[in-house]
Amino acid sequence: MEKEIKTEYKMIKVNKELHKLLKIESVSSGKSMQNIAEKAIKNYIHILECIE
């Protein structure tokens, strides 16, 4: 029996320019657009917390 791999997808809305940049980064790095976006958002939140 094969074990099913469940993937959790999270949706975020981005404008066309940001989507294009994510796509380019995804292709060049081999990482998923979702992972790149999540990392960028986490970094952004961390920077905001450091500023305050």
C-alpha atoms as a PDB file:
ATOM      1  CA  MET A   1       0.000   0.000   0.000  1.00  0.00           C
ATOM      2  CA  GLU A   2       1.201   3.435  -0.863  1.00  0.00           C
ATOM      3  CA  LYS A   3       0.909   6.170   1.697  1.00  0.00           C
ATOM      4  CA  GLU A   4      -0.932   9.255   0.477  1.00  0.00           C
ATOM      5  CA  ILE A   5       0.960  12.489   0.799  1.00  0.00           C
ATOM      6  CA  LYS A   6      -1.320  15.297   1.876  1.00  0.00           C
ATOM      7  CA  THR A   7      -0.232  18.741   0.780  1.00  0.00           C
ATOM      8  CA  GLU A   8      -1.589  21.807   2.493  1.00  0.00           C
ATOM      9  CA  TYR A   9      -2.116  24.750   0.183  1.00  0.00           C
ATOM     10  CA  LYS A  10      -2.543  28.294   1.422  1.00  0.00           C
ATOM     11  CA  MET A  11      -3.876  30.978  -0.869  1.00  0.00           C
ATOM     12  CA  ILE A  12      -2.779  34.585  -0.854  1.00  0.00           C
ATOM     13  CA  LYS A  13      -3.710  37.294  -3.323  1.00  0.00           C
ATOM     14  CA  VAL A  14      -0.843  39.107  -4.993  1.00  0.00           C
ATOM     15  CA  ASN A  15      -0.747  41.607  -7.813  1.00  0.00           C
ATOM     16  CA  LYS A  16       0.508  40.625 -11.267  1.00  0.00           C
ATOM     17  CA  GLU A  17       3.956  42.166 -10.790  1.00  0.00           C
ATOM     18  CA  LEU A  18       4.574  40.293  -7.528  1.00  0.00           C
ATOM     19  CA  HIS A  19       3.244  37.062  -9.052  1.00  0.00           C
ATOM     20  CA  LYS A  20       5.699  37.435 -11.936  1.00  0.00           C
ATOM     21  CA  LEU A  21       8.607  37.973  -9.511  1.00  0.00           C
ATOM     22  CA  LEU A  22       7.571  34.943  -7.434  1.00  0.00           C
ATOM     23  CA  LYS A  23       7.364  32.815 -10.566  1.00  0.00           C
ATOM     24  CA  ILE A  24      10.837  33.879 -11.740  1.00  0.00           C
ATOM     25  CA  GLU A  25      12.339  33.223  -8.293  1.00  0.00           C
ATOM     26  CA  SER A  26      10.575  29.854  -8.102  1.00  0.00           C
ATOM     27  CA  VAL A  27      11.939  28.702 -11.453  1.00  0.00           C
ATOM     28  CA  SER A  28      15.474  29.910 -10.755  1.00  0.00           C
ATOM     29  CA  SER A  29      15.689  28.481  -7.220  1.00  0.00           C
ATOM     30  CA  GLY A  30      13.634  25.313  -7.663  1.00  0.00           C
ATOM     31  CA  LYS A  31      11.475  26.184  -4.644  1.00  0.00           C
ATOM     32  CA  SER A  32       7.710  26.472  -4.702  1.00  0.00           C
ATOM     33  CA  MET A  33       6.079  29.871  -5.027  1.00  0.00           C
ATOM     34  CA  GLN A  34       4.175  29.165  -1.814  1.00  0.00           C
ATOM     35  CA  ASN A  35       7.354  28.540   0.188  1.00  0.00           C
ATOM     36  CA  ILE A  36       9.019  31.669  -1.192  1.00  0.00           C
ATOM     37  CA  ALA A  37       5.958  33.796  -0.389  1.00  0.00           C
ATOM     38  CA  GLU A  38       5.645  32.362   3.146  1.00  0.00           C
ATOM     39  CA  LYS A  39       9.321  33.020   3.878  1.00  0.00           C
ATOM     40  CA  ALA A  40       9.071  36.581   2.545  1.00  0.00           C
ATOM     41  CA  ILE A  41       5.992  37.306   4.668  1.00  0.00           C
ATOM     42  CA  LYS A  42       7.628  35.876   7.799  1.00  0.00           C
ATOM     43  CA  ASN A  43      10.747  37.988   7.182  1.00  0.00           C
ATOM     44  CA  TYR A  44       8.607  41.088   6.626  1.00  0.00           C
ATOM     45  CA  ILE A  45       6.708  40.538   9.891  1.00  0.00           C
ATOM     46  CA  HIS A  46       9.973  39.930  11.758  1.00  0.00           C
ATOM     47  CA  ILE A  47      11.430  43.191  10.424  1.00  0.00           C
ATOM     48  CA  LEU A  48       8.284  45.086  11.444  1.00  0.00           C
ATOM     49  CA  GLU A  49       8.516  43.650  14.964  1.00  0.00           C
ATOM     50  CA  CYS A  50      12.181  44.680  15.228  1.00  0.00           C
ATOM     51  CA  ILE A  51      11.389  48.235  14.153  1.00  0.00           C
ATOM     52  CA  GLU A  52       8.708  48.694  16.808  1.00  0.00           C
END
